[in-house]
Amino acid sequence: MKKSKKSLWIGLIVIILIASTITYYKIPLKTNTVFYNGEIKIIDFGFYVNGKMNNYNVRFKNTKEINQIVNIFNTTRYTRIPGNRNIRNDGKLLSMYVFVKEKNLEFYILDINDQGYLKVGKNIYKLADKHTQIFNELYEILVANRKPINE
């Protein structure tokens, strides 16, 4: 009797762990859970990769421009991706530094690629939907009609 109770508890714990892991990776997250978007002061657009890396030096300080960029990210939800994935080698990529008003304008690096992956610091997320539209809208704001500094 004791052994079957113990087996039942172990089985229950295993089921709970599996369900928790699946839930952790499958439940869509809002943007403010994925990255801090409260008091963003500056967004520096660094580079665009499409076969070759093009460096840009574009700084967005205007609140209206910053809100426009953040609102694009707000149009979808994100799911966590397990493990480590190099999204910088998966096609087209936009990379930016986001400075937030914390003590000394702390920043984090935000990378997004056209395959629908977002990397914030060391964490990787998959866009739940509209990844092509979101990437193209960001491309229009960050890259279109701008010349790279390495040309």
C-alpha atoms as a PDB file:
ATOM      1  CA  MET A   1       0.000   0.000   0.000  1.00  0.00           C
ATOM      2  CA  LYS A   2       2.781   2.396   0.912  1.00  0.00           C
ATOM      3  CA  LYS A   3       4.607   1.737  -2.339  1.00  0.00           C
ATOM      4  CA  SER A   4       1.560   2.449  -4.520  1.00  0.00           C
ATOM      5  CA  LYS A   5       0.932   5.754  -2.694  1.00  0.00           C
ATOM      6  CA  LYS A   6       4.541   6.733  -3.244  1.00  0.00           C
ATOM      7  CA  SER A   7       4.302   5.832  -6.946  1.00  0.00           C
ATOM      8  CA  LEU A   8       1.089   7.826  -7.227  1.00  0.00           C
ATOM      9  CA  TRP A   9       2.728  10.909  -5.701  1.00  0.00           C
ATOM     10  CA  ILE A  10       5.793  10.605  -7.937  1.00  0.00           C
ATOM     11  CA  GLY A  11       3.566  10.217 -10.991  1.00  0.00           C
ATOM     12  CA  LEU A  12       1.516  13.243  -9.947  1.00  0.00           C
ATOM     13  CA  ILE A  13       4.652  15.350  -9.441  1.00  0.00           C
ATOM     14  CA  VAL A  14       5.996  14.315 -12.859  1.00  0.00           C
ATOM     15  CA  ILE A  15       2.684  15.229 -14.526  1.00  0.00           C
ATOM     16  CA  ILE A  16       2.643  18.617 -12.770  1.00  0.00           C
ATOM     17  CA  LEU A  17       6.242  19.321 -13.837  1.00  0.00           C
ATOM     18  CA  ILE A  18       5.519  18.404 -17.463  1.00  0.00           C
ATOM     19  CA  ALA A  19       2.331  20.492 -17.507  1.00  0.00           C
ATOM     20  CA  SER A  20       4.161  23.442 -15.920  1.00  0.00           C
ATOM     21  CA  THR A  21       6.969  23.254 -18.472  1.00  0.00           C
ATOM     22  CA  ILE A  22       4.555  23.110 -21.406  1.00  0.00           C
ATOM     23  CA  THR A  23       2.562  26.017 -19.973  1.00  0.00           C
ATOM     24  CA  TYR A  24       5.727  28.056 -19.366  1.00  0.00           C
ATOM     25  CA  TYR A  25       6.757  27.812 -23.017  1.00  0.00           C
ATOM     26  CA  LYS A  26       3.338  27.917 -24.700  1.00  0.00           C
ATOM     27  CA  ILE A  27       1.382  30.694 -22.950  1.00  0.00           C
ATOM     28  CA  PRO A  28       1.662  33.926 -24.975  1.00  0.00           C
ATOM     29  CA  LEU A  29       3.235  36.894 -23.175  1.00  0.00           C
ATOM     30  CA  LYS A  30       2.532  40.597 -23.556  1.00  0.00           C
ATOM     31  CA  THR A  31       5.289  42.957 -24.639  1.00  0.00           C
ATOM     32  CA  ASN A  32       5.719  44.478 -21.181  1.00  0.00           C
ATOM     33  CA  THR A  33       6.489  40.986 -19.850  1.00  0.00           C
ATOM     34  CA  VAL A  34       9.100  40.365 -22.551  1.00  0.00           C
ATOM     35  CA  PHE A  35      10.952  43.673 -22.245  1.00  0.00           C
ATOM     36  CA  TYR A  36      10.654  46.814 -20.180  1.00  0.00           C
ATOM     37  CA  ASN A  37       8.830  49.421 -22.232  1.00  0.00           C
ATOM     38  CA  GLY A  38       7.780  51.882 -19.540  1.00  0.00           C
ATOM     39  CA  GLU A  39      10.157  54.825 -19.624  1.00  0.00           C
ATOM     40  CA  ILE A  40      12.226  54.300 -22.752  1.00  0.00           C
ATOM     41  CA  LYS A  41      14.335  57.396 -23.334  1.00  0.00           C
ATOM     42  CA  ILE A  42      16.444  56.473 -26.354  1.00  0.00           C
ATOM     43  CA  ILE A  43      16.440  53.777 -29.028  1.00  0.00           C
ATOM     44  CA  ASP A  44      19.691  53.452 -30.972  1.00  0.00           C
ATOM     45  CA  PHE A  45      19.316  51.458 -34.160  1.00  0.00           C
ATOM     46  CA  GLY A  46      22.573  49.628 -34.704  1.00  0.00           C
ATOM     47  CA  PHE A  47      22.520  47.375 -37.734  1.00  0.00           C
ATOM     48  CA  TYR A  48      20.532  45.535 -40.346  1.00  0.00           C
ATOM     49  CA  VAL A  49      21.666  42.200 -41.717  1.00  0.00           C
ATOM     50  CA  ASN A  50      20.511  40.830 -45.045  1.00  0.00           C
ATOM     51  CA  GLY A  51      23.350  38.673 -46.284  1.00  0.00           C
ATOM     52  CA  LYS A  52      25.826  41.349 -45.190  1.00  0.00           C
ATOM     53  CA  MET A  53      25.868  43.595 -42.174  1.00  0.00           C
ATOM     54  CA  ASN A  54      25.003  47.249 -42.686  1.00  0.00           C
ATOM     55  CA  ASN A  55      25.780  49.537 -39.764  1.00  0.00           C
ATOM     56  CA  TYR A  56      23.557  52.477 -38.978  1.00  0.00           C
ATOM     57  CA  ASN A  57      23.850  55.210 -36.430  1.00  0.00           C
ATOM     58  CA  VAL A  58      20.252  56.279 -35.938  1.00  0.00           C
ATOM     59  CA  ARG A  59      19.106  57.600 -32.581  1.00  0.00           C
ATOM     60  CA  PHE A  60      15.455  57.994 -31.667  1.00  0.00           C
ATOM     61  CA  LYS A  61      14.925  60.388 -28.741  1.00  0.00           C
ATOM     62  CA  ASN A  62      11.532  61.764 -29.694  1.00  0.00           C
ATOM     63  CA  THR A  63       8.780  60.248 -27.547  1.00  0.00           C
ATOM     64  CA  LYS A  64       6.437  60.001 -30.536  1.00  0.00           C
ATOM     65  CA  GLU A  65       8.980  57.969 -32.553  1.00  0.00           C
ATOM     66  CA  ILE A  66       9.796  55.740 -29.577  1.00  0.00           C
ATOM     67  CA  ASN A  67       6.096  55.099 -28.937  1.00  0.00           C
ATOM     68  CA  GLN A  68       5.594  54.248 -32.610  1.00  0.00           C
ATOM     69  CA  ILE A  69       8.327  51.591 -32.407  1.00  0.00           C
ATOM     70  CA  VAL A  70       7.034  50.184 -29.092  1.00  0.00           C
ATOM     71  CA  ASN A  71       3.459  50.094 -30.410  1.00  0.00           C
ATOM     72  CA  ILE A  72       4.603  47.880 -33.288  1.00  0.00           C
ATOM     73  CA  PHE A  73       5.946  45.387 -30.745  1.00  0.00           C
ATOM     74  CA  ASN A  74       2.650  45.651 -28.820  1.00  0.00           C
ATOM     75  CA  THR A  75       0.628  44.307 -31.773  1.00  0.00           C
ATOM     76  CA  THR A  76       1.526  40.691 -31.023  1.00  0.00           C
ATOM     77  CA  ARG A  77       2.305  38.369 -28.163  1.00  0.00           C
ATOM     78  CA  TYR A  78       5.386  36.258 -27.586  1.00  0.00           C
ATOM     79  CA  THR A  79       6.163  32.720 -26.472  1.00  0.00           C
ATOM     80  CA  ARG A  80       9.370  31.637 -24.787  1.00  0.00           C
ATOM     81  CA  ILE A  81      11.867  29.515 -26.700  1.00  0.00           C
ATOM     82  CA  PRO A  82      13.881  26.893 -24.778  1.00  0.00           C
ATOM     83  CA  GLY A  83      17.624  26.672 -25.157  1.00  0.00           C
ATOM     84  CA  ASN A  84      20.004  28.947 -26.990  1.00  0.00           C
ATOM     85  CA  ARG A  85      19.347  29.988 -30.574  1.00  0.00           C
ATOM     86  CA  ASN A  86      21.467  32.331 -32.680  1.00  0.00           C
ATOM     87  CA  ILE A  87      18.791  34.444 -34.354  1.00  0.00           C
ATOM     88  CA  ARG A  88      21.432  36.661 -35.954  1.00  0.00           C
ATOM     89  CA  ASN A  89      22.123  33.983 -38.576  1.00  0.00           C
ATOM     90  CA  ASP A  90      18.497  33.298 -39.553  1.00  0.00           C
ATOM     91  CA  GLY A  91      17.993  35.735 -42.436  1.00  0.00           C
ATOM     92  CA  LYS A  92      17.226  39.429 -42.096  1.00  0.00           C
ATOM     93  CA  LEU A  93      17.842  41.008 -38.691  1.00  0.00           C
ATOM     94  CA  LEU A  94      17.302  44.370 -37.019  1.00  0.00           C
ATOM     95  CA  SER A  95      19.287  45.163 -33.877  1.00  0.00           C
ATOM     96  CA  MET A  96      18.796  48.068 -31.504  1.00  0.00           C
ATOM     97  CA  TYR A  97      19.875  49.335 -28.119  1.00  0.00           C
ATOM     98  CA  VAL A  98      17.003  50.400 -25.894  1.00  0.00           C
ATOM     99  CA  PHE A  99      17.880  52.846 -23.108  1.00  0.00           C
ATOM    100  CA  VAL A 100      15.467  53.040 -20.194  1.00  0.00           C
ATOM    101  CA  LYS A 101      15.191  55.628 -17.464  1.00  0.00           C
ATOM    102  CA  GLU A 102      16.579  53.712 -14.581  1.00  0.00           C
ATOM    103  CA  LYS A 103      19.483  54.987 -12.514  1.00  0.00           C
ATOM    104  CA  ASN A 104      21.985  55.799 -15.289  1.00  0.00           C
ATOM    105  CA  LEU A 105      20.068  55.087 -18.483  1.00  0.00           C
ATOM    106  CA  GLU A 106      20.549  51.327 -18.395  1.00  0.00           C
ATOM    107  CA  PHE A 107      20.106  49.566 -21.721  1.00  0.00           C
ATOM    108  CA  TYR A 108      19.332  46.223 -23.240  1.00  0.00           C
ATOM    109  CA  ILE A 109      19.910  44.870 -26.738  1.00  0.00           C
ATOM    110  CA  LEU A 110      16.828  43.930 -28.719  1.00  0.00           C
ATOM    111  CA  ASP A 111      17.224  41.836 -31.897  1.00  0.00           C
ATOM    112  CA  ILE A 112      14.365  40.821 -34.169  1.00  0.00           C
ATOM    113  CA  ASN A 113      14.581  38.750 -37.331  1.00  0.00           C
ATOM    114  CA  ASP A 114      12.257  38.126 -40.249  1.00  0.00           C
ATOM    115  CA  GLN A 115      11.688  34.527 -39.109  1.00  0.00           C
ATOM    116  CA  GLY A 116       9.683  35.798 -36.138  1.00  0.00           C
ATOM    117  CA  TYR A 117      12.250  35.539 -33.354  1.00  0.00           C
ATOM    118  CA  LEU A 118      12.976  38.238 -30.802  1.00  0.00           C
ATOM    119  CA  LYS A 119      16.026  38.262 -28.549  1.00  0.00           C
ATOM    120  CA  VAL A 120      16.058  40.517 -25.507  1.00  0.00           C
ATOM    121  CA  GLY A 121      19.342  40.234 -23.661  1.00  0.00           C
ATOM    122  CA  LYS A 122      19.848  36.469 -23.328  1.00  0.00           C
ATOM    123  CA  ASN A 123      16.165  35.525 -23.612  1.00  0.00           C
ATOM    124  CA  ILE A 124      14.643  34.382 -26.901  1.00  0.00           C
ATOM    125  CA  TYR A 125      10.990  34.595 -27.838  1.00  0.00           C
ATOM    126  CA  LYS A 126       8.874  33.664 -30.848  1.00  0.00           C
ATOM    127  CA  LEU A 127       6.334  36.172 -32.129  1.00  0.00           C
ATOM    128  CA  ALA A 128       2.884  34.583 -31.871  1.00  0.00           C
ATOM    129  CA  ASP A 129       1.642  36.070 -35.138  1.00  0.00           C
ATOM    130  CA  LYS A 130       2.159  38.834 -37.721  1.00  0.00           C
ATOM    131  CA  HIS A 131       5.949  38.452 -37.628  1.00  0.00           C
ATOM    132  CA  THR A 132       6.407  39.446 -41.285  1.00  0.00           C
ATOM    133  CA  GLN A 133       4.221  42.524 -40.900  1.00  0.00           C
ATOM    134  CA  ILE A 134       5.975  43.578 -37.691  1.00  0.00           C
ATOM    135  CA  PHE A 135       9.431  43.102 -39.194  1.00  0.00           C
ATOM    136  CA  ASN A 136       8.459  45.091 -42.308  1.00  0.00           C
ATOM    137  CA  GLU A 137       6.977  47.950 -40.251  1.00  0.00           C
ATOM    138  CA  LEU A 138      10.144  48.164 -38.165  1.00  0.00           C
ATOM    139  CA  TYR A 139      12.243  48.003 -41.328  1.00  0.00           C
ATOM    140  CA  GLU A 140      10.329  50.981 -42.765  1.00  0.00           C
ATOM    141  CA  ILE A 141      11.004  53.072 -39.664  1.00  0.00           C
ATOM    142  CA  LEU A 142      14.585  51.984 -38.981  1.00  0.00           C
ATOM    143  CA  VAL A 143      16.166  51.218 -42.358  1.00  0.00           C
ATOM    144  CA  ALA A 144      14.166  52.516 -45.331  1.00  0.00           C
ATOM    145  CA  ASN A 145      15.437  55.808 -46.769  1.00  0.00           C
ATOM    146  CA  ARG A 146      18.597  55.713 -44.619  1.00  0.00           C
ATOM    147  CA  LYS A 147      22.131  55.053 -45.766  1.00  0.00           C
ATOM    148  CA  PRO A 148      24.358  52.712 -43.794  1.00  0.00           C
ATOM    149  CA  ILE A 149      27.528  54.290 -42.428  1.00  0.00           C
ATOM    150  CA  ASN A 150      29.724  51.464 -43.765  1.00  0.00           C
ATOM    151  CA  GLU A 151      28.983  52.100 -47.466  1.00  0.00           C
END
